[in-house]
Amino acid sequence: MKYLLDTHAILWDAQGSQDLSNTAKTLMENEECFYSMASFWEIAIKQKLGKLDSTLSIIELENLC
């Protein structure tokens, strides 16, 4: 099966957050997952507005995915 990751899942996985469920972690590790470039656009906007406490750059996040 293939999965499209939501912005929160991308961030939570990159940050090692406990908000990401064990089921989601398992799926992300064992299944084919994709992300939308719109998620990175959303993250960049929130970072610029100061609404996101993430120290990872968009390039770092993309390399993690």
PDB file of N, CA and C in Angstrom:
ATOM      1  N   MET A   1       0.831  -1.178   0.000  1.00  0.00           N
ATOM      2  CA  MET A   1       0.000   0.000   0.000  1.00  0.00           C
ATOM      3  C   MET A   1       0.876   1.242   0.000  1.00  0.00           C
ATOM      4  N   LYS A   2       0.354   2.349  -0.502  1.00  0.00           N
ATOM      5  CA  LYS A   2       1.068   3.620  -0.542  1.00  0.00           C
ATOM      6  C   LYS A   2       0.336   4.638   0.311  1.00  0.00           C
ATOM      7  N   TYR A   3       1.101   5.511   0.954  1.00  0.00           N
ATOM      8  CA  TYR A   3       0.512   6.501   1.853  1.00  0.00           C
ATOM      9  C   TYR A   3       1.045   7.896   1.535  1.00  0.00           C
ATOM     10  N   LEU A   4       0.178   8.889   1.632  1.00  0.00           N
ATOM     11  CA  LEU A   4       0.564  10.282   1.499  1.00  0.00           C
ATOM     12  C   LEU A   4       0.636  10.863   2.911  1.00  0.00           C
ATOM     13  N   LEU A   5       1.810  11.335   3.288  1.00  0.00           N
ATOM     14  CA  LEU A   5       2.008  11.843   4.641  1.00  0.00           C
ATOM     15  C   LEU A   5       1.477  13.259   4.780  1.00  0.00           C
ATOM     16  N   ASP A   6       0.871  13.497   5.887  1.00  0.00           N
ATOM     17  CA  ASP A   6       0.368  14.817   6.236  1.00  0.00           C
ATOM     18  C   ASP A   6       1.521  15.641   6.834  1.00  0.00           C
ATOM     19  N   THR A   7       1.382  16.942   6.815  1.00  0.00           N
ATOM     20  CA  THR A   7       2.443  17.833   7.302  1.00  0.00           C
ATOM     21  C   THR A   7       2.833  17.518   8.733  1.00  0.00           C
ATOM     22  N   HIS A   8       1.850  17.272   9.595  1.00  0.00           N
ATOM     23  CA  HIS A   8       2.166  16.959  10.991  1.00  0.00           C
ATOM     24  C   HIS A   8       2.991  15.681  11.099  1.00  0.00           C
ATOM     25  N   ALA A   9       2.638  14.673  10.332  1.00  0.00           N
ATOM     26  CA  ALA A   9       3.384  13.408  10.383  1.00  0.00           C
ATOM     27  C   ALA A   9       4.836  13.623   9.981  1.00  0.00           C
ATOM     28  N   ILE A  10       5.069  14.434   8.971  1.00  0.00           N
ATOM     29  CA  ILE A  10       6.435  14.728   8.530  1.00  0.00           C
ATOM     30  C   ILE A  10       7.210  15.409   9.653  1.00  0.00           C
ATOM     31  N   LEU A  11       6.617  16.432  10.248  1.00  0.00           N
ATOM     32  CA  LEU A  11       7.285  17.168  11.322  1.00  0.00           C
ATOM     33  C   LEU A  11       7.504  16.296  12.555  1.00  0.00           C
ATOM     34  N   TRP A  12       6.469  15.587  12.959  1.00  0.00           N
ATOM     35  CA  TRP A  12       6.593  14.754  14.154  1.00  0.00           C
ATOM     36  C   TRP A  12       7.654  13.675  13.981  1.00  0.00           C
ATOM     37  N   ASP A  13       7.717  13.080  12.805  1.00  0.00           N
ATOM     38  CA  ASP A  13       8.723  12.058  12.547  1.00  0.00           C
ATOM     39  C   ASP A  13      10.115  12.675  12.577  1.00  0.00           C
ATOM     40  N   ALA A  14      10.298  13.817  11.935  1.00  0.00           N
ATOM     41  CA  ALA A  14      11.601  14.478  11.876  1.00  0.00           C
ATOM     42  C   ALA A  14      12.081  14.908  13.258  1.00  0.00           C
ATOM     43  N   GLN A  15      11.141  15.273  14.122  1.00  0.00           N
ATOM     44  CA  GLN A  15      11.484  15.753  15.455  1.00  0.00           C
ATOM     45  C   GLN A  15      11.480  14.649  16.507  1.00  0.00           C
ATOM     46  N   GLY A  16      11.131  13.431  16.098  1.00  0.00           N
ATOM     47  CA  GLY A  16      11.072  12.326  17.056  1.00  0.00           C
ATOM     48  C   GLY A  16       9.990  12.526  18.103  1.00  0.00           C
ATOM     49  N   SER A  17       8.914  13.180  17.719  1.00  0.00           N
ATOM     50  CA  SER A  17       7.828  13.520  18.633  1.00  0.00           C
ATOM     51  C   SER A  17       7.031  12.294  19.072  1.00  0.00           C
ATOM     52  N   GLN A  18       6.582  12.351  20.301  1.00  0.00           N
ATOM     53  CA  GLN A  18       5.715  11.301  20.843  1.00  0.00           C
ATOM     54  C   GLN A  18       4.294  11.432  20.317  1.00  0.00           C
ATOM     55  N   ASP A  19       3.994  12.525  19.617  1.00  0.00           N
ATOM     56  CA  ASP A  19       2.658  12.730  19.045  1.00  0.00           C
ATOM     57  C   ASP A  19       2.382  11.789  17.875  1.00  0.00           C
ATOM     58  N   LEU A  20       3.443  11.246  17.267  1.00  0.00           N
ATOM     59  CA  LEU A  20       3.284  10.313  16.158  1.00  0.00           C
ATOM     60  C   LEU A  20       3.006   8.922  16.740  1.00  0.00           C
ATOM     61  N   SER A  21       1.886   8.350  16.363  1.00  0.00           N
ATOM     62  CA  SER A  21       1.499   7.057  16.922  1.00  0.00           C
ATOM     63  C   SER A  21       2.444   5.946  16.478  1.00  0.00           C
ATOM     64  N   ASN A  22       2.469   4.869  17.247  1.00  0.00           N
ATOM     65  CA  ASN A  22       3.292   3.716  16.893  1.00  0.00           C
ATOM     66  C   ASN A  22       2.848   3.126  15.560  1.00  0.00           C
ATOM     67  N   THR A  23       1.553   3.153  15.301  1.00  0.00           N
ATOM     68  CA  THR A  23       1.033   2.647  14.032  1.00  0.00           C
ATOM     69  C   THR A  23       1.590   3.462  12.873  1.00  0.00           C
ATOM     70  N   ALA A  24       1.572   4.779  13.017  1.00  0.00           N
ATOM     71  CA  ALA A  24       2.099   5.654  11.964  1.00  0.00           C
ATOM     72  C   ALA A  24       3.597   5.430  11.771  1.00  0.00           C
ATOM     73  N   LYS A  25       4.338   5.308  12.866  1.00  0.00           N
ATOM     74  CA  LYS A  25       5.783   5.059  12.777  1.00  0.00           C
ATOM     75  C   LYS A  25       6.057   3.771  12.018  1.00  0.00           C
ATOM     76  N   THR A  26       5.313   2.738  12.345  1.00  0.00           N
ATOM     77  CA  THR A  26       5.495   1.446  11.685  1.00  0.00           C
ATOM     78  C   THR A  26       5.191   1.544  10.199  1.00  0.00           C
ATOM     79  N   LEU A  27       4.097   2.199   9.862  1.00  0.00           N
ATOM     80  CA  LEU A  27       3.745   2.384   8.444  1.00  0.00           C
ATOM     81  C   LEU A  27       4.828   3.159   7.701  1.00  0.00           C
ATOM     82  N   MET A  28       5.332   4.197   8.325  1.00  0.00           N
ATOM     83  CA  MET A  28       6.335   5.028   7.672  1.00  0.00           C
ATOM     84  C   MET A  28       7.648   4.267   7.479  1.00  0.00           C
ATOM     85  N   GLU A  29       7.930   3.343   8.361  1.00  0.00           N
ATOM     86  CA  GLU A  29       9.159   2.553   8.263  1.00  0.00           C
ATOM     87  C   GLU A  29       9.029   1.401   7.267  1.00  0.00           C
ATOM     88  N   ASN A  30       7.825   0.847   7.125  1.00  0.00           N
ATOM     89  CA  ASN A  30       7.659  -0.382   6.364  1.00  0.00           C
ATOM     90  C   ASN A  30       6.871  -0.271   5.069  1.00  0.00           C
ATOM     91  N   GLU A  31       6.271   0.864   4.822  1.00  0.00           N
ATOM     92  CA  GLU A  31       5.441   1.022   3.627  1.00  0.00           C
ATOM     93  C   GLU A  31       5.984   2.141   2.753  1.00  0.00           C
ATOM     94  N   GLU A  32       5.506   2.204   1.541  1.00  0.00           N
ATOM     95  CA  GLU A  32       5.913   3.258   0.623  1.00  0.00           C
ATOM     96  C   GLU A  32       5.119   4.520   0.942  1.00  0.00           C
ATOM     97  N   CYS A  33       5.833   5.543   1.385  1.00  0.00           N
ATOM     98  CA  CYS A  33       5.186   6.787   1.780  1.00  0.00           C
ATOM     99  C   CYS A  33       5.656   7.933   0.892  1.00  0.00           C
ATOM    100  N   PHE A  34       4.740   8.845   0.639  1.00  0.00           N
ATOM    101  CA  PHE A  34       5.015  10.011  -0.185  1.00  0.00           C
ATOM    102  C   PHE A  34       4.639  11.260   0.602  1.00  0.00           C
ATOM    103  N   TYR A  35       5.143  12.372   0.150  1.00  0.00           N
ATOM    104  CA  TYR A  35       4.767  13.645   0.746  1.00  0.00           C
ATOM    105  C   TYR A  35       4.474  14.624  -0.376  1.00  0.00           C
ATOM    106  N   SER A  36       3.709  15.624  -0.053  1.00  0.00           N
ATOM    107  CA  SER A  36       3.370  16.661  -1.022  1.00  0.00           C
ATOM    108  C   SER A  36       4.326  17.829  -0.825  1.00  0.00           C
ATOM    109  N   MET A  37       4.760  18.421  -1.918  1.00  0.00           N
ATOM    110  CA  MET A  37       5.589  19.625  -1.811  1.00  0.00           C
ATOM    111  C   MET A  37       4.811  20.743  -1.113  1.00  0.00           C
ATOM    112  N   ALA A  38       3.490  20.658  -1.146  1.00  0.00           N
ATOM    113  CA  ALA A  38       2.667  21.649  -0.442  1.00  0.00           C
ATOM    114  C   ALA A  38       2.922  21.600   1.061  1.00  0.00           C
ATOM    115  N   SER A  39       3.277  20.427   1.587  1.00  0.00           N
ATOM    116  CA  SER A  39       3.603  20.320   3.014  1.00  0.00           C
ATOM    117  C   SER A  39       4.831  21.156   3.343  1.00  0.00           C
ATOM    118  N   PHE A  40       5.846  21.097   2.478  1.00  0.00           N
ATOM    119  CA  PHE A  40       7.048  21.893   2.713  1.00  0.00           C
ATOM    120  C   PHE A  40       6.769  23.382   2.540  1.00  0.00           C
ATOM    121  N   TRP A  41       5.886  23.714   1.634  1.00  0.00           N
ATOM    122  CA  TRP A  41       5.460  25.100   1.448  1.00  0.00           C
ATOM    123  C   TRP A  41       4.778  25.584   2.729  1.00  0.00           C
ATOM    124  N   GLU A  42       3.883  24.754   3.275  1.00  0.00           N
ATOM    125  CA  GLU A  42       3.180  25.095   4.518  1.00  0.00           C
ATOM    126  C   GLU A  42       4.167  25.279   5.666  1.00  0.00           C
ATOM    127  N   ILE A  43       5.142  24.391   5.776  1.00  0.00           N
ATOM    128  CA  ILE A  43       6.141  24.475   6.841  1.00  0.00           C
ATOM    129  C   ILE A  43       6.954  25.759   6.704  1.00  0.00           C
ATOM    130  N   ALA A  44       7.378  26.078   5.488  1.00  0.00           N
ATOM    131  CA  ALA A  44       8.171  27.293   5.265  1.00  0.00           C
ATOM    132  C   ALA A  44       7.402  28.551   5.651  1.00  0.00           C
ATOM    133  N   ILE A  45       6.134  28.604   5.296  1.00  0.00           N
ATOM    134  CA  ILE A  45       5.303  29.763   5.654  1.00  0.00           C
ATOM    135  C   ILE A  45       5.179  29.881   7.166  1.00  0.00           C
ATOM    136  N   LYS A  46       4.898  28.770   7.838  1.00  0.00           N
ATOM    137  CA  LYS A  46       4.744  28.812   9.300  1.00  0.00           C
ATOM    138  C   LYS A  46       6.058  29.185   9.986  1.00  0.00           C
ATOM    139  N   GLN A  47       7.191  28.706   9.455  1.00  0.00           N
ATOM    140  CA  GLN A  47       8.484  29.086  10.023  1.00  0.00           C
ATOM    141  C   GLN A  47       8.704  30.588   9.870  1.00  0.00           C
ATOM    142  N   LYS A  48       8.431  31.117   8.689  1.00  0.00           N
ATOM    143  CA  LYS A  48       8.638  32.543   8.422  1.00  0.00           C
ATOM    144  C   LYS A  48       7.763  33.419   9.323  1.00  0.00           C
ATOM    145  N   LEU A  49       6.534  32.954   9.609  1.00  0.00           N
ATOM    146  CA  LEU A  49       5.615  33.708  10.465  1.00  0.00           C
ATOM    147  C   LEU A  49       5.896  33.507  11.955  1.00  0.00           C
ATOM    148  N   GLY A  50       6.838  32.606  12.272  1.00  0.00           N
ATOM    149  CA  GLY A  50       7.159  32.335  13.675  1.00  0.00           C
ATOM    150  C   GLY A  50       6.121  31.478  14.369  1.00  0.00           C
ATOM    151  N   LYS A  51       5.318  30.750  13.600  1.00  0.00           N
ATOM    152  CA  LYS A  51       4.261  29.918  14.170  1.00  0.00           C
ATOM    153  C   LYS A  51       4.675  28.454  14.305  1.00  0.00           C
ATOM    154  N   LEU A  52       5.946  28.162  14.027  1.00  0.00           N
ATOM    155  CA  LEU A  52       6.399  26.786  14.068  1.00  0.00           C
ATOM    156  C   LEU A  52       7.728  26.720  14.798  1.00  0.00           C
ATOM    157  N   ASP A  53       7.767  25.919  15.847  1.00  0.00           N
ATOM    158  CA  ASP A  53       8.992  25.737  16.618  1.00  0.00           C
ATOM    159  C   ASP A  53       9.795  24.576  16.048  1.00  0.00           C
ATOM    160  N   SER A  54      10.337  24.782  14.875  1.00  0.00           N
ATOM    161  CA  SER A  54      11.152  23.761  14.231  1.00  0.00           C
ATOM    162  C   SER A  54      12.472  24.376  13.826  1.00  0.00           C
ATOM    163  N   THR A  55      13.548  23.737  14.222  1.00  0.00           N
ATOM    164  CA  THR A  55      14.866  24.248  13.867  1.00  0.00           C
ATOM    165  C   THR A  55      15.372  23.627  12.570  1.00  0.00           C
ATOM    166  N   LEU A  56      14.629  22.662  12.027  1.00  0.00           N
ATOM    167  CA  LEU A  56      15.035  22.010  10.791  1.00  0.00           C
ATOM    168  C   LEU A  56      14.667  22.865   9.581  1.00  0.00           C
ATOM    169  N   SER A  57      15.595  22.980   8.664  1.00  0.00           N
ATOM    170  CA  SER A  57      15.309  23.710   7.431  1.00  0.00           C
ATOM    171  C   SER A  57      14.503  22.813   6.496  1.00  0.00           C
ATOM    172  N   ILE A  58      13.944  23.408   5.479  1.00  0.00           N
ATOM    173  CA  ILE A  58      13.173  22.648   4.486  1.00  0.00           C
ATOM    174  C   ILE A  58      14.072  21.619   3.812  1.00  0.00           C
ATOM    175  N   ILE A  59      15.292  22.000   3.512  1.00  0.00           N
ATOM    176  CA  ILE A  59      16.221  21.050   2.866  1.00  0.00           C
ATOM    177  C   ILE A  59      16.504  19.878   3.791  1.00  0.00           C
ATOM    178  N   GLU A  60      16.707  20.132   5.082  1.00  0.00           N
ATOM    179  CA  GLU A  60      16.943  19.048   6.040  1.00  0.00           C
ATOM    180  C   GLU A  60      15.722  18.126   6.131  1.00  0.00           C
ATOM    181  N   LEU A  61      14.540  18.720   6.171  1.00  0.00           N
ATOM    182  CA  LEU A  61      13.325  17.910   6.226  1.00  0.00           C
ATOM    183  C   LEU A  61      13.177  17.056   4.974  1.00  0.00           C
ATOM    184  N   GLU A  62      13.433  17.637   3.828  1.00  0.00           N
ATOM    185  CA  GLU A  62      13.297  16.888   2.579  1.00  0.00           C
ATOM    186  C   GLU A  62      14.284  15.719   2.531  1.00  0.00           C
ATOM    187  N   ASN A  63      15.481  15.931   3.045  1.00  0.00           N
ATOM    188  CA  ASN A  63      16.473  14.861   3.073  1.00  0.00           C
ATOM    189  C   ASN A  63      16.083  13.733   4.026  1.00  0.00           C
ATOM    190  N   LEU A  64      15.307  14.056   5.046  1.00  0.00           N
ATOM    191  CA  LEU A  64      14.837  13.023   5.986  1.00  0.00           C
ATOM    192  C   LEU A  64      13.729  12.160   5.386  1.00  0.00           C
ATOM    193  N   CYS A  65      12.967  12.746   4.464  1.00  0.00           N
ATOM    194  CA  CYS A  65      11.819  12.031   3.898  1.00  0.00           C
ATOM    195  C   CYS A  65      12.235  11.041   2.877  1.00  0.00           C
TER     196      CYS A  65
END
